[in-house]
Amino acid sequence: MSVVKFHKASEYKKEFNDQGLARQSVLSGEYKDVELYKCTLAPGAEWEPELYDSQEKVQMILFTEGTGYVATPHKAFNIEEVAVFVPRFDEEKFFIKADQELSFLQIVAVMSDYDRENMADSHIALPRFRPVSQAWTYEENFKTRDIKSYTLIEHRMFGRLSMGAVYGKGPNVVGQHIHNELEQWYYALPGAKFTYQVSGEELPFEEGDLSYTPHGN
C-alpha cells in the first residue's frame, strides 16, 4: 500500500451553493492536525470564511487559478497569479471576491503547544499576502539549476507551517531526498505534469492533483 495518499483532480465535485461557492474536503483524516478544502468561487461571487482563535487554529488560503481579490477592513490584495493569504486569526474579518472563476485551497491547521510558544515570540506579520512573483527564491543541491524554488511562508516564522512553490520546464529532475520531520502536501498547479517517486513507486501527477506524504519519506 502506498505511503502517499492521493486526491485526483477528477475526484473534485465542483458543486456551487446559492452563494456561488464550491467547497469540498479532501484527504480528510490523513493527518490529524490539518484539514484541506478544495474551493472554487463562481465569477462575481463573494465568500467570507470562518475565523479561528490564535490559540486554536490557523488557516492559509492558496490561490491557484483565476482572478479576484481578498480584502480585510483595512486593505485589499489583487489576485492575479498563484498567491497565498494568511489572515490575522479572528482579529480581522476578511472576504474573497472572484472576478473570473477563482480556484483555491483552504488549509486549516490545529495549533500545537510548539506553535503557540513559537509564535508568541515571533511570527510573520499578519495579514500576509504573497504572490509567487514577490517570493524569495532559494536553491537546493538535489535540483537541476533550471528549477526555480520559491518560499511563500517561511519555516519557523509561522510555527510548524511553511509553504513553497517549485517551477520548471522539463525534462528536469528533483533528486532523491528525505524529510525526516516534515509532513508534506503537494498540489499540482495549472499546466503541471510530472512523476513523483517515493518508496520505489512512480506516481503520475497532473494539474489539480493533491497528495499527502508522511514524514520519513
C-alpha atoms as a PDB file:
ATOM      1  CA  MET A   1       0.000   0.000   0.000  1.00  0.00           C
ATOM      2  CA  SER A   2       1.359   3.389  -0.971  1.00  0.00           C
ATOM      3  CA  VAL A   3       2.611   5.702   1.776  1.00  0.00           C
ATOM      4  CA  VAL A   4       1.387   8.587  -0.390  1.00  0.00           C
ATOM      5  CA  LYS A   5      -2.298   9.452  -0.224  1.00  0.00           C
ATOM      6  CA  PHE A   6      -3.833  10.988  -3.341  1.00  0.00           C
ATOM      7  CA  HIS A   7      -6.732  13.191  -4.225  1.00  0.00           C
ATOM      8  CA  LYS A   8      -7.014  13.187  -8.004  1.00  0.00           C
ATOM      9  CA  ALA A   9      -8.353  16.245  -9.792  1.00  0.00           C
ATOM     10  CA  SER A  10     -11.211  14.149 -11.223  1.00  0.00           C
ATOM     11  CA  GLU A  11     -12.481  13.475  -7.662  1.00  0.00           C
ATOM     12  CA  TYR A  12     -13.322  17.132  -7.106  1.00  0.00           C
ATOM     13  CA  LYS A  13     -17.046  17.699  -7.491  1.00  0.00           C
ATOM     14  CA  LYS A  14     -17.437  21.368  -8.333  1.00  0.00           C
ATOM     15  CA  GLU A  15     -20.950  21.878  -6.991  1.00  0.00           C
ATOM     16  CA  PHE A  16     -21.800  25.524  -6.294  1.00  0.00           C
ATOM     17  CA  ASN A  17     -24.093  26.564  -3.453  1.00  0.00           C
ATOM     18  CA  ASP A  18     -26.502  29.503  -3.575  1.00  0.00           C
ATOM     19  CA  GLN A  19     -23.608  31.911  -2.834  1.00  0.00           C
ATOM     20  CA  GLY A  20     -21.533  30.652  -5.777  1.00  0.00           C
ATOM     21  CA  LEU A  21     -19.041  28.659  -3.663  1.00  0.00           C
ATOM     22  CA  ALA A  22     -17.959  25.082  -4.316  1.00  0.00           C
ATOM     23  CA  ARG A  23     -16.048  23.649  -1.338  1.00  0.00           C
ATOM     24  CA  GLN A  24     -15.030  20.027  -0.806  1.00  0.00           C
ATOM     25  CA  SER A  25     -12.987  18.425   1.981  1.00  0.00           C
ATOM     26  CA  VAL A  26     -10.038  16.484   0.543  1.00  0.00           C
ATOM     27  CA  LEU A  27      -7.628  13.937   2.075  1.00  0.00           C
ATOM     28  CA  SER A  28      -9.751  14.063   5.212  1.00  0.00           C
ATOM     29  CA  GLY A  29      -8.245  12.286   8.222  1.00  0.00           C
ATOM     30  CA  GLU A  30      -4.859  11.612   6.665  1.00  0.00           C
ATOM     31  CA  TYR A  31      -3.122  13.866   9.200  1.00  0.00           C
ATOM     32  CA  LYS A  32      -4.879  14.656  12.454  1.00  0.00           C
ATOM     33  CA  ASP A  33      -3.905  18.338  12.703  1.00  0.00           C
ATOM     34  CA  VAL A  34      -4.665  19.509   9.165  1.00  0.00           C
ATOM     35  CA  GLU A  35      -7.884  19.898   7.184  1.00  0.00           C
ATOM     36  CA  LEU A  36      -7.837  20.779   3.490  1.00  0.00           C
ATOM     37  CA  TYR A  37     -10.640  22.082   1.320  1.00  0.00           C
ATOM     38  CA  LYS A  38     -10.598  22.447  -2.426  1.00  0.00           C
ATOM     39  CA  CYS A  39     -12.648  25.521  -3.337  1.00  0.00           C
ATOM     40  CA  THR A  40     -13.973  27.423  -6.333  1.00  0.00           C
ATOM     41  CA  LEU A  41     -15.789  30.762  -6.423  1.00  0.00           C
ATOM     42  CA  ALA A  42     -18.002  31.487  -9.410  1.00  0.00           C
ATOM     43  CA  PRO A  43     -17.433  34.781 -11.286  1.00  0.00           C
ATOM     44  CA  GLY A  44     -18.760  37.666  -9.207  1.00  0.00           C
ATOM     45  CA  ALA A  45     -19.260  35.517  -6.095  1.00  0.00           C
ATOM     46  CA  GLU A  46     -18.016  36.505  -2.656  1.00  0.00           C
ATOM     47  CA  TRP A  47     -17.174  34.364   0.406  1.00  0.00           C
ATOM     48  CA  GLU A  48     -16.316  35.258   3.990  1.00  0.00           C
ATOM     49  CA  PRO A  49     -14.516  32.268   5.585  1.00  0.00           C
ATOM     50  CA  GLU A  50     -14.817  31.245   9.218  1.00  0.00           C
ATOM     51  CA  LEU A  51     -12.271  32.795  11.588  1.00  0.00           C
ATOM     52  CA  TYR A  52     -10.192  30.932  14.178  1.00  0.00           C
ATOM     53  CA  ASP A  53      -8.725  31.979  17.528  1.00  0.00           C
ATOM     54  CA  SER A  54      -4.926  32.309  17.578  1.00  0.00           C
ATOM     55  CA  GLN A  55      -4.714  29.688  20.329  1.00  0.00           C
ATOM     56  CA  GLU A  56      -6.743  27.154  18.384  1.00  0.00           C
ATOM     57  CA  LYS A  57      -6.250  27.083  14.617  1.00  0.00           C
ATOM     58  CA  VAL A  58      -4.512  28.882  11.785  1.00  0.00           C
ATOM     59  CA  GLN A  59      -5.592  28.991   8.164  1.00  0.00           C
ATOM     60  CA  MET A  60      -3.892  29.679   4.846  1.00  0.00           C
ATOM     61  CA  ILE A  61      -5.584  30.296   1.506  1.00  0.00           C
ATOM     62  CA  LEU A  62      -3.568  29.227  -1.556  1.00  0.00           C
ATOM     63  CA  PHE A  63      -4.958  30.814  -4.718  1.00  0.00           C
ATOM     64  CA  THR A  64      -4.149  28.542  -7.655  1.00  0.00           C
ATOM     65  CA  GLU A  65      -6.068  29.836 -10.684  1.00  0.00           C
ATOM     66  CA  GLY A  66      -8.304  32.734 -11.682  1.00  0.00           C
ATOM     67  CA  THR A  67      -8.529  36.369 -10.636  1.00  0.00           C
ATOM     68  CA  GLY A  68     -10.209  38.396  -7.939  1.00  0.00           C
ATOM     69  CA  TYR A  69      -9.198  39.945  -4.657  1.00  0.00           C
ATOM     70  CA  VAL A  70      -9.056  39.241  -0.931  1.00  0.00           C
ATOM     71  CA  ALA A  71      -9.867  42.069   1.467  1.00  0.00           C
ATOM     72  CA  THR A  72      -9.708  42.919   5.157  1.00  0.00           C
ATOM     73  CA  PRO A  73     -11.343  46.029   6.678  1.00  0.00           C
ATOM     74  CA  HIS A  74      -8.086  47.912   6.042  1.00  0.00           C
ATOM     75  CA  LYS A  75      -6.582  46.568   2.818  1.00  0.00           C
ATOM     76  CA  ALA A  76      -7.338  44.681  -0.385  1.00  0.00           C
ATOM     77  CA  PHE A  77      -4.977  42.425  -2.330  1.00  0.00           C
ATOM     78  CA  ASN A  78      -5.393  41.685  -6.033  1.00  0.00           C
ATOM     79  CA  ILE A  79      -5.226  38.018  -7.007  1.00  0.00           C
ATOM     80  CA  GLU A  80      -3.571  37.849 -10.424  1.00  0.00           C
ATOM     81  CA  GLU A  81      -1.269  34.834 -10.065  1.00  0.00           C
ATOM     82  CA  VAL A  82      -0.550  31.972  -7.685  1.00  0.00           C
ATOM     83  CA  ALA A  83      -0.511  33.519  -4.196  1.00  0.00           C
ATOM     84  CA  VAL A  84      -1.048  32.741  -0.520  1.00  0.00           C
ATOM     85  CA  PHE A  85      -3.092  34.710   2.007  1.00  0.00           C
ATOM     86  CA  VAL A  86      -2.904  34.271   5.787  1.00  0.00           C
ATOM     87  CA  PRO A  87      -5.495  36.188   7.819  1.00  0.00           C
ATOM     88  CA  ARG A  88      -4.928  37.739  11.218  1.00  0.00           C
ATOM     89  CA  PHE A  89      -6.707  34.896  13.020  1.00  0.00           C
ATOM     90  CA  ASP A  90     -10.042  36.158  14.401  1.00  0.00           C
ATOM     91  CA  GLU A  91      -8.812  39.726  14.907  1.00  0.00           C
ATOM     92  CA  GLU A  92      -9.927  40.822  11.419  1.00  0.00           C
ATOM     93  CA  LYS A  93     -12.666  39.570   9.168  1.00  0.00           C
ATOM     94  CA  PHE A  94     -11.790  39.015   5.516  1.00  0.00           C
ATOM     95  CA  PHE A  95     -13.597  38.051   2.349  1.00  0.00           C
ATOM     96  CA  ILE A  96     -12.672  36.697  -1.066  1.00  0.00           C
ATOM     97  CA  LYS A  97     -14.269  38.059  -4.253  1.00  0.00           C
ATOM     98  CA  ALA A  98     -13.942  36.385  -7.661  1.00  0.00           C
ATOM     99  CA  ASP A  99     -13.698  38.276 -10.939  1.00  0.00           C
ATOM    100  CA  GLN A 100     -13.093  35.251 -13.133  1.00  0.00           C
ATOM    101  CA  GLU A 101     -13.772  31.807 -11.697  1.00  0.00           C
ATOM    102  CA  LEU A 102     -11.327  31.572  -8.788  1.00  0.00           C
ATOM    103  CA  SER A 103      -9.803  28.298  -7.534  1.00  0.00           C
ATOM    104  CA  PHE A 104      -8.004  27.917  -4.227  1.00  0.00           C
ATOM    105  CA  LEU A 105      -7.090  25.598  -1.375  1.00  0.00           C
ATOM    106  CA  GLN A 106      -8.149  26.410   2.170  1.00  0.00           C
ATOM    107  CA  ILE A 107      -5.728  24.871   4.674  1.00  0.00           C
ATOM    108  CA  VAL A 108      -6.751  24.779   8.347  1.00  0.00           C
ATOM    109  CA  ALA A 109      -4.232  23.553  10.931  1.00  0.00           C
ATOM    110  CA  VAL A 110      -4.639  22.901  14.650  1.00  0.00           C
ATOM    111  CA  MET A 111      -2.218  24.919  16.780  1.00  0.00           C
ATOM    112  CA  SER A 112       0.172  22.797  18.843  1.00  0.00           C
ATOM    113  CA  ASP A 113       1.949  23.856  22.035  1.00  0.00           C
ATOM    114  CA  TYR A 114       5.063  24.394  19.892  1.00  0.00           C
ATOM    115  CA  ASP A 115       3.134  26.654  17.524  1.00  0.00           C
ATOM    116  CA  ARG A 116       1.696  28.745  20.339  1.00  0.00           C
ATOM    117  CA  GLU A 117       5.031  29.132  22.109  1.00  0.00           C
ATOM    118  CA  ASN A 118       6.989  29.828  18.928  1.00  0.00           C
ATOM    119  CA  MET A 119       4.524  32.331  17.528  1.00  0.00           C
ATOM    120  CA  ALA A 120       4.213  34.151  20.848  1.00  0.00           C
ATOM    121  CA  ASP A 121       7.903  35.043  20.450  1.00  0.00           C
ATOM    122  CA  SER A 122       7.857  35.937  16.739  1.00  0.00           C
ATOM    123  CA  HIS A 123       5.991  35.198  13.540  1.00  0.00           C
ATOM    124  CA  ILE A 124       5.386  36.660  10.108  1.00  0.00           C
ATOM    125  CA  ALA A 125       3.360  39.867  10.135  1.00  0.00           C
ATOM    126  CA  LEU A 126      -0.338  39.281   9.518  1.00  0.00           C
ATOM    127  CA  PRO A 127      -2.346  39.555   7.412  1.00  0.00           C
ATOM    128  CA  ARG A 128       0.075  38.132   4.867  1.00  0.00           C
ATOM    129  CA  PHE A 129      -0.433  38.174   1.097  1.00  0.00           C
ATOM    130  CA  ARG A 130       2.430  36.856  -1.007  1.00  0.00           C
ATOM    131  CA  PRO A 131       2.237  36.156  -4.751  1.00  0.00           C
ATOM    132  CA  VAL A 132       4.922  33.961  -6.282  1.00  0.00           C
ATOM    133  CA  SER A 133       6.411  36.928  -8.141  1.00  0.00           C
ATOM    134  CA  GLN A 134       7.222  38.544  -4.777  1.00  0.00           C
ATOM    135  CA  ALA A 135       8.524  35.422  -3.036  1.00  0.00           C
ATOM    136  CA  TRP A 136      12.220  34.957  -2.347  1.00  0.00           C
ATOM    137  CA  THR A 137      13.999  32.167  -4.176  1.00  0.00           C
ATOM    138  CA  TYR A 138      16.356  29.513  -2.884  1.00  0.00           C
ATOM    139  CA  GLU A 139      18.496  26.676  -4.272  1.00  0.00           C
ATOM    140  CA  GLU A 140      18.953  23.047  -3.224  1.00  0.00           C
ATOM    141  CA  ASN A 141      21.742  20.808  -4.468  1.00  0.00           C
ATOM    142  CA  PHE A 142      19.397  17.975  -5.479  1.00  0.00           C
ATOM    143  CA  LYS A 143      17.554  20.133  -8.039  1.00  0.00           C
ATOM    144  CA  THR A 144      18.757  20.958 -11.534  1.00  0.00           C
ATOM    145  CA  ARG A 145      19.579  24.653 -11.878  1.00  0.00           C
ATOM    146  CA  ASP A 146      16.722  25.395 -14.280  1.00  0.00           C
ATOM    147  CA  ILE A 147      14.211  24.627 -11.498  1.00  0.00           C
ATOM    148  CA  LYS A 148      13.073  27.709  -9.597  1.00  0.00           C
ATOM    149  CA  SER A 149      12.094  27.295  -5.941  1.00  0.00           C
ATOM    150  CA  TYR A 150      10.118  29.928  -4.057  1.00  0.00           C
ATOM    151  CA  THR A 151       9.305  30.413  -0.378  1.00  0.00           C
ATOM    152  CA  LEU A 152       5.829  31.794   0.355  1.00  0.00           C
ATOM    153  CA  ILE A 153       5.616  31.088   4.101  1.00  0.00           C
ATOM    154  CA  GLU A 154       8.946  30.924   5.912  1.00  0.00           C
ATOM    155  CA  HIS A 155       9.629  27.857   8.018  1.00  0.00           C
ATOM    156  CA  ARG A 156       9.965  28.620  11.759  1.00  0.00           C
ATOM    157  CA  MET A 157       8.397  32.053  11.247  1.00  0.00           C
ATOM    158  CA  PHE A 158       4.902  30.576  11.386  1.00  0.00           C
ATOM    159  CA  GLY A 159       5.062  27.737  13.876  1.00  0.00           C
ATOM    160  CA  ARG A 160       5.376  24.352  12.172  1.00  0.00           C
ATOM    161  CA  LEU A 161       3.936  25.624   8.912  1.00  0.00           C
ATOM    162  CA  SER A 162       5.733  26.575   5.722  1.00  0.00           C
ATOM    163  CA  MET A 163       4.777  26.836   2.066  1.00  0.00           C
ATOM    164  CA  GLY A 164       6.710  26.984  -1.160  1.00  0.00           C
ATOM    165  CA  ALA A 165       6.345  26.608  -4.908  1.00  0.00           C
ATOM    166  CA  VAL A 166       8.550  24.924  -7.488  1.00  0.00           C
ATOM    167  CA  TYR A 167       8.535  25.787 -11.193  1.00  0.00           C
ATOM    168  CA  GLY A 168      10.440  24.105 -14.002  1.00  0.00           C
ATOM    169  CA  LYS A 169      10.161  23.143 -17.650  1.00  0.00           C
ATOM    170  CA  GLY A 170      11.027  19.513 -18.354  1.00  0.00           C
ATOM    171  CA  PRO A 171      12.880  17.412 -18.784  1.00  0.00           C
ATOM    172  CA  ASN A 172      14.435  18.096 -15.377  1.00  0.00           C
ATOM    173  CA  VAL A 173      14.910  16.307 -12.080  1.00  0.00           C
ATOM    174  CA  VAL A 174      14.435  16.952  -8.385  1.00  0.00           C
ATOM    175  CA  GLY A 175      16.789  14.388  -6.882  1.00  0.00           C
ATOM    176  CA  GLN A 176      16.009  11.875  -4.182  1.00  0.00           C
ATOM    177  CA  HIS A 177      15.872  13.255  -0.644  1.00  0.00           C
ATOM    178  CA  ILE A 178      14.093  12.553   2.651  1.00  0.00           C
ATOM    179  CA  HIS A 179      12.227  14.855   5.020  1.00  0.00           C
ATOM    180  CA  ASN A 180      12.640  13.168   8.380  1.00  0.00           C
ATOM    181  CA  GLU A 181      10.324  15.521  10.261  1.00  0.00           C
ATOM    182  CA  LEU A 182       8.080  17.236   7.710  1.00  0.00           C
ATOM    183  CA  GLU A 183       4.560  16.226   6.780  1.00  0.00           C
ATOM    184  CA  GLN A 184       4.229  17.183   3.120  1.00  0.00           C
ATOM    185  CA  TRP A 185       1.353  18.113   0.859  1.00  0.00           C
ATOM    186  CA  TYR A 186       1.910  18.648  -2.867  1.00  0.00           C
ATOM    187  CA  TYR A 187      -0.504  20.360  -5.217  1.00  0.00           C
ATOM    188  CA  ALA A 188      -0.018  20.336  -8.988  1.00  0.00           C
ATOM    189  CA  LEU A 189      -0.590  23.863 -10.304  1.00  0.00           C
ATOM    190  CA  PRO A 190      -2.229  24.559 -13.680  1.00  0.00           C
ATOM    191  CA  GLY A 191      -0.147  23.137 -16.520  1.00  0.00           C
ATOM    192  CA  ALA A 192       1.898  20.865 -14.242  1.00  0.00           C
ATOM    193  CA  LYS A 193       2.763  17.303 -15.212  1.00  0.00           C
ATOM    194  CA  PHE A 194       5.458  15.234 -13.501  1.00  0.00           C
ATOM    195  CA  THR A 195       6.264  11.879 -11.888  1.00  0.00           C
ATOM    196  CA  TYR A 196       6.695  11.617  -8.115  1.00  0.00           C
ATOM    197  CA  GLN A 197       8.956   8.764  -6.979  1.00  0.00           C
ATOM    198  CA  VAL A 198       8.590   7.555  -3.372  1.00  0.00           C
ATOM    199  CA  SER A 199       9.411   4.215  -1.692  1.00  0.00           C
ATOM    200  CA  GLY A 200      10.045   2.583  -5.062  1.00  0.00           C
ATOM    201  CA  GLU A 201       6.770   3.762  -6.574  1.00  0.00           C
ATOM    202  CA  GLU A 202       6.314   6.072  -9.544  1.00  0.00           C
ATOM    203  CA  LEU A 203       3.198   8.191  -9.164  1.00  0.00           C
ATOM    204  CA  PRO A 204       1.949  10.403 -12.019  1.00  0.00           C
ATOM    205  CA  PHE A 205       0.932  13.950 -11.104  1.00  0.00           C
ATOM    206  CA  GLU A 206      -1.143  16.305 -13.242  1.00  0.00           C
ATOM    207  CA  GLU A 207      -2.718  19.701 -12.638  1.00  0.00           C
ATOM    208  CA  GLY A 208      -5.278  19.698  -9.857  1.00  0.00           C
ATOM    209  CA  ASP A 209      -3.881  16.568  -8.171  1.00  0.00           C
ATOM    210  CA  LEU A 210      -3.134  16.777  -4.443  1.00  0.00           C
ATOM    211  CA  SER A 211      -1.118  14.408  -2.264  1.00  0.00           C
ATOM    212  CA  TYR A 212      -0.021  13.845   1.326  1.00  0.00           C
ATOM    213  CA  THR A 213       3.334  12.239   2.176  1.00  0.00           C
ATOM    214  CA  PRO A 214       4.076  11.468   5.849  1.00  0.00           C
ATOM    215  CA  HIS A 215       7.466  12.311   7.379  1.00  0.00           C
ATOM    216  CA  GLY A 216      10.382   9.985   6.776  1.00  0.00           C
ATOM    217  CA  ASN A 217       9.656   9.641   3.047  1.00  0.00           C
END
